[in-house]
């Protein structure tokens, strides 16, 4: 089974649908709200600063959440519909 972490925020309009989708499809995940905890924000920024997947997102001036990290960075997704159910 994959280890899934979702970085998001209650302030993000795209994050709630992602959480609902994962829950409805019985996909186990850990949700980390980057606007409620500085440690979660630091973990997210480490991926955002170091991973090429974020290049176009940063270039467009976007944050990059929801960010779905699979198996400690083996894969990073921004669209929850790309997850295999």
PDB file of N, CA and C in Angstrom:
ATOM      1  N   UNK A   1       0.834  -1.176   0.000  1.00  0.00           N
ATOM      2  CA  UNK A   1       0.000   0.000   0.000  1.00  0.00           C
ATOM      3  C   UNK A   1       0.884   1.246   0.000  1.00  0.00           C
ATOM      4  N   UNK A   2       0.477   2.231  -0.775  1.00  0.00           N
ATOM      5  CA  UNK A   2       1.236   3.472  -0.864  1.00  0.00           C
ATOM      6  C   UNK A   2       1.051   4.325   0.382  1.00  0.00           C
ATOM      7  N   UNK A   3       2.100   5.048   0.729  1.00  0.00           N
ATOM      8  CA  UNK A   3       2.054   6.031   1.799  1.00  0.00           C
ATOM      9  C   UNK A   3       1.722   7.366   1.135  1.00  0.00           C
ATOM     10  N   UNK A   4       0.567   7.951   1.471  1.00  0.00           N
ATOM     11  CA  UNK A   4       0.113   9.170   0.807  1.00  0.00           C
ATOM     12  C   UNK A   4      -0.013  10.305   1.810  1.00  0.00           C
ATOM     13  N   UNK A   5       0.644  11.412   1.496  1.00  0.00           N
ATOM     14  CA  UNK A   5       0.511  12.640   2.280  1.00  0.00           C
ATOM     15  C   UNK A   5      -0.073  13.696   1.356  1.00  0.00           C
ATOM     16  N   UNK A   6      -1.084  14.394   1.844  1.00  0.00           N
ATOM     17  CA  UNK A   6      -1.684  15.482   1.089  1.00  0.00           C
ATOM     18  C   UNK A   6      -1.399  16.784   1.831  1.00  0.00           C
ATOM     19  N   UNK A   7      -0.675  17.677   1.168  1.00  0.00           N
ATOM     20  CA  UNK A   7      -0.461  19.013   1.710  1.00  0.00           C
ATOM     21  C   UNK A   7      -1.564  19.902   1.158  1.00  0.00           C
ATOM     22  N   UNK A   8      -2.217  20.633   2.035  1.00  0.00           N
ATOM     23  CA  UNK A   8      -3.298  21.502   1.605  1.00  0.00           C
ATOM     24  C   UNK A   8      -3.556  22.589   2.621  1.00  0.00           C
ATOM     25  N   UNK A   9      -4.715  23.237   2.465  1.00  0.00           N
ATOM     26  CA  UNK A   9      -5.122  24.303   3.373  1.00  0.00           C
ATOM     27  C   UNK A   9      -6.631  24.440   3.332  1.00  0.00           C
ATOM     28  N   UNK A  10      -7.204  24.781   4.472  1.00  0.00           N
ATOM     29  CA  UNK A  10      -8.643  25.026   4.505  1.00  0.00           C
ATOM     30  C   UNK A  10      -8.992  26.280   3.705  1.00  0.00           C
ATOM     31  N   UNK A  11      -8.011  27.104   3.399  1.00  0.00           N
ATOM     32  CA  UNK A  11      -8.217  28.322   2.619  1.00  0.00           C
ATOM     33  C   UNK A  11      -8.212  28.063   1.113  1.00  0.00           C
ATOM     34  N   UNK A  12      -7.813  26.880   0.712  1.00  0.00           N
ATOM     35  CA  UNK A  12      -7.678  26.517  -0.706  1.00  0.00           C
ATOM     36  C   UNK A  12      -8.977  25.884  -1.218  1.00  0.00           C
ATOM     37  N   UNK A  13      -9.588  26.452  -2.260  1.00  0.00           N
ATOM     38  CA  UNK A  13     -10.840  25.893  -2.773  1.00  0.00           C
ATOM     39  C   UNK A  13     -10.689  24.526  -3.444  1.00  0.00           C
ATOM     40  N   UNK A  14      -9.486  24.153  -3.842  1.00  0.00           N
ATOM     41  CA  UNK A  14      -9.276  22.862  -4.497  1.00  0.00           C
ATOM     42  C   UNK A  14      -8.940  21.743  -3.517  1.00  0.00           C
ATOM     43  N   UNK A  15      -8.594  22.098  -2.299  1.00  0.00           N
ATOM     44  CA  UNK A  15      -8.146  21.086  -1.331  1.00  0.00           C
ATOM     45  C   UNK A  15      -9.291  20.255  -0.761  1.00  0.00           C
ATOM     46  N   UNK A  16     -10.424  20.877  -0.477  1.00  0.00           N
ATOM     47  CA  UNK A  16     -11.545  20.131   0.094  1.00  0.00           C
ATOM     48  C   UNK A  16     -12.059  19.050  -0.862  1.00  0.00           C
ATOM     49  N   UNK A  17     -12.257  19.353  -2.155  1.00  0.00           N
ATOM     50  CA  UNK A  17     -12.669  18.284  -3.070  1.00  0.00           C
ATOM     51  C   UNK A  17     -11.658  17.137  -3.133  1.00  0.00           C
ATOM     52  N   UNK A  18     -10.383  17.451  -3.024  1.00  0.00           N
ATOM     53  CA  UNK A  18      -9.353  16.404  -3.030  1.00  0.00           C
ATOM     54  C   UNK A  18      -9.509  15.504  -1.809  1.00  0.00           C
ATOM     55  N   UNK A  19      -9.696  16.102  -0.648  1.00  0.00           N
ATOM     56  CA  UNK A  19      -9.893  15.320   0.589  1.00  0.00           C
ATOM     57  C   UNK A  19     -11.137  14.442   0.482  1.00  0.00           C
ATOM     58  N   UNK A  20     -12.220  15.023  -0.027  1.00  0.00           N
ATOM     59  CA  UNK A  20     -13.472  14.275  -0.165  1.00  0.00           C
ATOM     60  C   UNK A  20     -13.300  13.095  -1.111  1.00  0.00           C
ATOM     61  N   UNK A  21     -12.634  13.316  -2.230  1.00  0.00           N
ATOM     62  CA  UNK A  21     -12.415  12.251  -3.210  1.00  0.00           C
ATOM     63  C   UNK A  21     -11.645  11.088  -2.594  1.00  0.00           C
ATOM     64  N   UNK A  22     -10.563  11.406  -1.901  1.00  0.00           N
ATOM     65  CA  UNK A  22      -9.746  10.359  -1.289  1.00  0.00           C
ATOM     66  C   UNK A  22     -10.538   9.599  -0.228  1.00  0.00           C
ATOM     67  N   UNK A  23     -11.282  10.323   0.584  1.00  0.00           N
ATOM     68  CA  UNK A  23     -12.082   9.695   1.633  1.00  0.00           C
ATOM     69  C   UNK A  23     -13.167   8.811   1.030  1.00  0.00           C
ATOM     70  N   UNK A  24     -13.899   9.336   0.040  1.00  0.00           N
ATOM     71  CA  UNK A  24     -14.987   8.584  -0.595  1.00  0.00           C
ATOM     72  C   UNK A  24     -14.486   7.324  -1.289  1.00  0.00           C
ATOM     73  N   UNK A  25     -13.247   7.342  -1.752  1.00  0.00           N
ATOM     74  CA  UNK A  25     -12.688   6.184  -2.453  1.00  0.00           C
ATOM     75  C   UNK A  25     -11.830   5.308  -1.545  1.00  0.00           C
ATOM     76  N   UNK A  26     -11.978   5.520  -0.232  1.00  0.00           N
ATOM     77  CA  UNK A  26     -11.285   4.710   0.780  1.00  0.00           C
ATOM     78  C   UNK A  26      -9.774   4.652   0.568  1.00  0.00           C
ATOM     79  N   UNK A  27      -9.210   5.778   0.170  1.00  0.00           N
ATOM     80  CA  UNK A  27      -7.765   5.883   0.009  1.00  0.00           C
ATOM     81  C   UNK A  27      -7.207   6.455   1.308  1.00  0.00           C
ATOM     82  N   UNK A  28      -6.333   5.701   1.948  1.00  0.00           N
ATOM     83  CA  UNK A  28      -5.749   6.167   3.207  1.00  0.00           C
ATOM     84  C   UNK A  28      -4.718   7.249   2.921  1.00  0.00           C
ATOM     85  N   UNK A  29      -4.797   8.334   3.689  1.00  0.00           N
ATOM     86  CA  UNK A  29      -3.864   9.439   3.502  1.00  0.00           C
ATOM     87  C   UNK A  29      -3.742  10.237   4.787  1.00  0.00           C
ATOM     88  N   UNK A  30      -2.654  10.972   4.872  1.00  0.00           N
ATOM     89  CA  UNK A  30      -2.427  11.898   5.974  1.00  0.00           C
ATOM     90  C   UNK A  30      -2.554  13.296   5.397  1.00  0.00           C
ATOM     91  N   UNK A  31      -3.458  14.096   5.962  1.00  0.00           N
ATOM     92  CA  UNK A  31      -3.671  15.458   5.479  1.00  0.00           C
ATOM     93  C   UNK A  31      -2.923  16.429   6.376  1.00  0.00           C
ATOM     94  N   UNK A  32      -2.068  17.255   5.779  1.00  0.00           N
ATOM     95  CA  UNK A  32      -1.295  18.239   6.525  1.00  0.00           C
ATOM     96  C   UNK A  32      -1.670  19.638   6.042  1.00  0.00           C
ATOM     97  N   UNK A  33      -2.303  20.411   6.914  1.00  0.00           N
ATOM     98  CA  UNK A  33      -2.730  21.771   6.581  1.00  0.00           C
ATOM     99  C   UNK A  33      -1.553  22.723   6.788  1.00  0.00           C
ATOM    100  N   UNK A  34      -1.029  23.234   5.686  1.00  0.00           N
ATOM    101  CA  UNK A  34       0.177  24.066   5.748  1.00  0.00           C
ATOM    102  C   UNK A  34      -0.080  25.449   6.334  1.00  0.00           C
ATOM    103  N   UNK A  35      -1.354  25.837   6.472  1.00  0.00           N
ATOM    104  CA  UNK A  35      -1.655  27.148   7.049  1.00  0.00           C
ATOM    105  C   UNK A  35      -1.951  27.064   8.542  1.00  0.00           C
ATOM    106  N   UNK A  36      -1.931  25.862   9.087  1.00  0.00           N
ATOM    107  CA  UNK A  36      -2.205  25.701  10.516  1.00  0.00           C
ATOM    108  C   UNK A  36      -0.985  25.284  11.324  1.00  0.00           C
ATOM    109  N   UNK A  37       0.081  24.861  10.640  1.00  0.00           N
ATOM    110  CA  UNK A  37       1.221  24.316  11.365  1.00  0.00           C
ATOM    111  C   UNK A  37       2.504  24.630  10.593  1.00  0.00           C
ATOM    112  N   UNK A  38       3.433  25.315  11.235  1.00  0.00           N
ATOM    113  CA  UNK A  38       4.676  25.693  10.554  1.00  0.00           C
ATOM    114  C   UNK A  38       5.531  24.496  10.156  1.00  0.00           C
ATOM    115  N   UNK A  39       5.495  23.436  10.927  1.00  0.00           N
ATOM    116  CA  UNK A  39       6.247  22.237  10.568  1.00  0.00           C
ATOM    117  C   UNK A  39       5.722  21.656   9.253  1.00  0.00           C
ATOM    118  N   UNK A  40       4.396  21.627   9.095  1.00  0.00           N
ATOM    119  CA  UNK A  40       3.802  21.136   7.843  1.00  0.00           C
ATOM    120  C   UNK A  40       4.187  22.046   6.681  1.00  0.00           C
ATOM    121  N   UNK A  41       4.187  23.356   6.922  1.00  0.00           N
ATOM    122  CA  UNK A  41       4.578  24.301   5.879  1.00  0.00           C
ATOM    123  C   UNK A  41       6.032  24.078   5.467  1.00  0.00           C
ATOM    124  N   UNK A  42       6.909  23.870   6.431  1.00  0.00           N
ATOM    125  CA  UNK A  42       8.321  23.618   6.128  1.00  0.00           C
ATOM    126  C   UNK A  42       8.497  22.339   5.321  1.00  0.00           C
ATOM    127  N   UNK A  43       7.754  21.286   5.682  1.00  0.00           N
ATOM    128  CA  UNK A  43       7.836  20.030   4.921  1.00  0.00           C
ATOM    129  C   UNK A  43       7.394  20.253   3.481  1.00  0.00           C
ATOM    130  N   UNK A  44       6.288  20.997   3.306  1.00  0.00           N
ATOM    131  CA  UNK A  44       5.787  21.288   1.970  1.00  0.00           C
ATOM    132  C   UNK A  44       6.804  22.108   1.176  1.00  0.00           C
ATOM    133  N   UNK A  45       7.359  23.141   1.802  1.00  0.00           N
ATOM    134  CA  UNK A  45       8.309  24.009   1.105  1.00  0.00           C
ATOM    135  C   UNK A  45       9.571  23.268   0.687  1.00  0.00           C
ATOM    136  N   UNK A  46       9.953  22.260   1.437  1.00  0.00           N
ATOM    137  CA  UNK A  46      11.111  21.448   1.044  1.00  0.00           C
ATOM    138  C   UNK A  46      10.847  20.785  -0.309  1.00  0.00           C
ATOM    139  N   UNK A  47       9.659  20.195  -0.462  1.00  0.00           N
ATOM    140  CA  UNK A  47       9.297  19.612  -1.764  1.00  0.00           C
ATOM    141  C   UNK A  47       9.209  20.709  -2.825  1.00  0.00           C
ATOM    142  N   UNK A  48       8.536  21.799  -2.488  1.00  0.00           N
ATOM    143  CA  UNK A  48       8.308  22.873  -3.455  1.00  0.00           C
ATOM    144  C   UNK A  48       9.619  23.494  -3.934  1.00  0.00           C
ATOM    145  N   UNK A  49      10.557  23.636  -3.040  1.00  0.00           N
ATOM    146  CA  UNK A  49      11.842  24.250  -3.400  1.00  0.00           C
ATOM    147  C   UNK A  49      12.760  23.317  -4.178  1.00  0.00           C
ATOM    148  N   UNK A  50      12.624  22.007  -3.956  1.00  0.00           N
ATOM    149  CA  UNK A  50      13.600  21.065  -4.507  1.00  0.00           C
ATOM    150  C   UNK A  50      13.117  20.225  -5.685  1.00  0.00           C
ATOM    151  N   UNK A  51      11.807  20.140  -5.897  1.00  0.00           N
ATOM    152  CA  UNK A  51      11.303  19.217  -6.916  1.00  0.00           C
ATOM    153  C   UNK A  51      10.943  19.927  -8.218  1.00  0.00           C
ATOM    154  N   UNK A  52      11.313  19.292  -9.328  1.00  0.00           N
ATOM    155  CA  UNK A  52      11.058  19.866 -10.648  1.00  0.00           C
ATOM    156  C   UNK A  52       9.568  19.944 -10.971  1.00  0.00           C
ATOM    157  N   UNK A  53       8.754  19.109 -10.318  1.00  0.00           N
ATOM    158  CA  UNK A  53       7.317  19.113 -10.556  1.00  0.00           C
ATOM    159  C   UNK A  53       6.692  20.479 -10.258  1.00  0.00           C
ATOM    160  N   UNK A  54       7.345  21.263  -9.428  1.00  0.00           N
ATOM    161  CA  UNK A  54       6.814  22.563  -9.028  1.00  0.00           C
ATOM    162  C   UNK A  54       7.269  23.707  -9.931  1.00  0.00           C
ATOM    163  N   UNK A  55       8.159  23.436 -10.866  1.00  0.00           N
ATOM    164  CA  UNK A  55       8.739  24.508 -11.681  1.00  0.00           C
ATOM    165  C   UNK A  55       7.666  25.352 -12.378  1.00  0.00           C
ATOM    166  N   UNK A  56       6.782  24.719 -13.114  1.00  0.00           N
ATOM    167  CA  UNK A  56       5.748  25.455 -13.853  1.00  0.00           C
ATOM    168  C   UNK A  56       4.750  26.116 -12.910  1.00  0.00           C
ATOM    169  N   UNK A  57       4.474  25.475 -11.794  1.00  0.00           N
ATOM    170  CA  UNK A  57       3.544  26.031 -10.808  1.00  0.00           C
ATOM    171  C   UNK A  57       4.103  27.332 -10.241  1.00  0.00           C
ATOM    172  N   UNK A  58       5.366  27.311  -9.864  1.00  0.00           N
ATOM    173  CA  UNK A  58       5.996  28.523  -9.323  1.00  0.00           C
ATOM    174  C   UNK A  58       6.084  29.608 -10.395  1.00  0.00           C
ATOM    175  N   UNK A  59       6.391  29.196 -11.608  1.00  0.00           N
ATOM    176  CA  UNK A  59       6.503  30.138 -12.720  1.00  0.00           C
ATOM    177  C   UNK A  59       5.173  30.861 -12.960  1.00  0.00           C
ATOM    178  N   UNK A  60       4.068  30.146 -12.728  1.00  0.00           N
ATOM    179  CA  UNK A  60       2.733  30.716 -12.914  1.00  0.00           C
ATOM    180  C   UNK A  60       2.261  31.501 -11.689  1.00  0.00           C
ATOM    181  N   UNK A  61       3.075  31.539 -10.631  1.00  0.00           N
ATOM    182  CA  UNK A  61       2.708  32.271  -9.431  1.00  0.00           C
ATOM    183  C   UNK A  61       1.723  31.543  -8.539  1.00  0.00           C
ATOM    184  N   UNK A  62       1.639  30.231  -8.698  1.00  0.00           N
ATOM    185  CA  UNK A  62       0.724  29.433  -7.890  1.00  0.00           C
ATOM    186  C   UNK A  62       1.459  28.804  -6.716  1.00  0.00           C
ATOM    187  N   UNK A  63       0.685  28.286  -5.764  1.00  0.00           N
ATOM    188  CA  UNK A  63       1.267  27.673  -4.567  1.00  0.00           C
ATOM    189  C   UNK A  63       1.623  26.208  -4.806  1.00  0.00           C
ATOM    190  N   UNK A  64       0.693  25.464  -5.398  1.00  0.00           N
ATOM    191  CA  UNK A  64       0.951  24.041  -5.647  1.00  0.00           C
ATOM    192  C   UNK A  64       0.227  23.119  -4.694  1.00  0.00           C
ATOM    193  N   UNK A  65      -0.931  23.570  -4.180  1.00  0.00           N
ATOM    194  CA  UNK A  65      -1.748  22.699  -3.341  1.00  0.00           C
ATOM    195  C   UNK A  65      -3.116  22.552  -3.988  1.00  0.00           C
ATOM    196  N   UNK A  66      -3.764  21.434  -3.803  1.00  0.00           N
ATOM    197  CA  UNK A  66      -3.296  20.296  -3.027  1.00  0.00           C
ATOM    198  C   UNK A  66      -2.094  19.628  -3.695  1.00  0.00           C
ATOM    199  N   UNK A  67      -1.206  19.177  -2.866  1.00  0.00           N
ATOM    200  CA  UNK A  67      -0.005  18.472  -3.311  1.00  0.00           C
ATOM    201  C   UNK A  67      -0.048  17.076  -2.703  1.00  0.00           C
ATOM    202  N   UNK A  68      -0.090  16.076  -3.556  1.00  0.00           N
ATOM    203  CA  UNK A  68      -0.188  14.688  -3.108  1.00  0.00           C
ATOM    204  C   UNK A  68       1.177  14.039  -3.274  1.00  0.00           C
ATOM    205  N   UNK A  69       1.772  13.685  -2.152  1.00  0.00           N
ATOM    206  CA  UNK A  69       3.106  13.080  -2.149  1.00  0.00           C
ATOM    207  C   UNK A  69       2.948  11.592  -1.867  1.00  0.00           C
ATOM    208  N   UNK A  70       3.438  10.774  -2.780  1.00  0.00           N
ATOM    209  CA  UNK A  70       3.300   9.324  -2.669  1.00  0.00           C
ATOM    210  C   UNK A  70       4.658   8.714  -2.363  1.00  0.00           C
ATOM    211  N   UNK A  71       4.670   7.888  -1.322  1.00  0.00           N
ATOM    212  CA  UNK A  71       5.887   7.167  -0.912  1.00  0.00           C
ATOM    213  C   UNK A  71       7.101   8.089  -0.780  1.00  0.00           C
ATOM    214  N   UNK A  72       6.955   9.094   0.066  1.00  0.00           N
ATOM    215  CA  UNK A  72       8.058  10.013   0.388  1.00  0.00           C
ATOM    216  C   UNK A  72       8.665  10.691  -0.837  1.00  0.00           C
ATOM    217  N   UNK A  73       7.833  10.986  -1.826  1.00  0.00           N
ATOM    218  CA  UNK A  73       8.308  11.727  -2.987  1.00  0.00           C
ATOM    219  C   UNK A  73       8.576  10.890  -4.222  1.00  0.00           C
ATOM    220  N   UNK A  74       8.263   9.605  -4.159  1.00  0.00           N
ATOM    221  CA  UNK A  74       8.411   8.751  -5.342  1.00  0.00           C
ATOM    222  C   UNK A  74       7.610   9.345  -6.502  1.00  0.00           C
ATOM    223  N   UNK A  75       6.418   9.840  -6.175  1.00  0.00           N
ATOM    224  CA  UNK A  75       5.566  10.547  -7.140  1.00  0.00           C
ATOM    225  C   UNK A  75       4.948  11.743  -6.434  1.00  0.00           C
ATOM    226  N   UNK A  76       4.740  12.813  -7.188  1.00  0.00           N
ATOM    227  CA  UNK A  76       4.035  13.984  -6.679  1.00  0.00           C
ATOM    228  C   UNK A  76       2.954  14.339  -7.692  1.00  0.00           C
ATOM    229  N   UNK A  77       1.733  14.471  -7.187  1.00  0.00           N
ATOM    230  CA  UNK A  77       0.591  14.807  -8.031  1.00  0.00           C
ATOM    231  C   UNK A  77      -0.064  16.077  -7.519  1.00  0.00           C
ATOM    232  N   UNK A  78      -0.700  16.800  -8.419  1.00  0.00           N
ATOM    233  CA  UNK A  78      -1.453  17.989  -8.039  1.00  0.00           C
ATOM    234  C   UNK A  78      -2.933  17.813  -8.354  1.00  0.00           C
ATOM    235  N   UNK A  79      -3.259  16.777  -9.098  1.00  0.00           N
ATOM    236  CA  UNK A  79      -4.650  16.477  -9.445  1.00  0.00           C
ATOM    237  C   UNK A  79      -5.009  15.130  -8.830  1.00  0.00           C
ATOM    238  N   UNK A  80      -5.881  15.163  -7.851  1.00  0.00           N
ATOM    239  CA  UNK A  80      -6.266  13.939  -7.141  1.00  0.00           C
ATOM    240  C   UNK A  80      -6.904  12.906  -8.057  1.00  0.00           C
ATOM    241  N   UNK A  81      -7.447  13.326  -9.185  1.00  0.00           N
ATOM    242  CA  UNK A  81      -8.087  12.374 -10.107  1.00  0.00           C
ATOM    243  C   UNK A  81      -7.071  11.493 -10.822  1.00  0.00           C
ATOM    244  N   UNK A  82      -5.790  11.820 -10.692  1.00  0.00           N
ATOM    245  CA  UNK A  82      -4.736  10.989 -11.279  1.00  0.00           C
ATOM    246  C   UNK A  82      -4.400   9.780 -10.411  1.00  0.00           C
ATOM    247  N   UNK A  83      -4.904   9.764  -9.184  1.00  0.00           N
ATOM    248  CA  UNK A  83      -4.656   8.618  -8.300  1.00  0.00           C
ATOM    249  C   UNK A  83      -5.451   7.420  -8.782  1.00  0.00           C
ATOM    250  N   UNK A  84      -4.822   6.275  -8.754  1.00  0.00           N
ATOM    251  CA  UNK A  84      -5.514   5.047  -9.136  1.00  0.00           C
ATOM    252  C   UNK A  84      -6.377   4.594  -7.972  1.00  0.00           C
ATOM    253  N   UNK A  85      -7.661   4.389  -8.258  1.00  0.00           N
ATOM    254  CA  UNK A  85      -8.603   3.994  -7.203  1.00  0.00           C
ATOM    255  C   UNK A  85      -8.748   2.499  -7.173  1.00  0.00           C
TER     256      UNK A  85
END
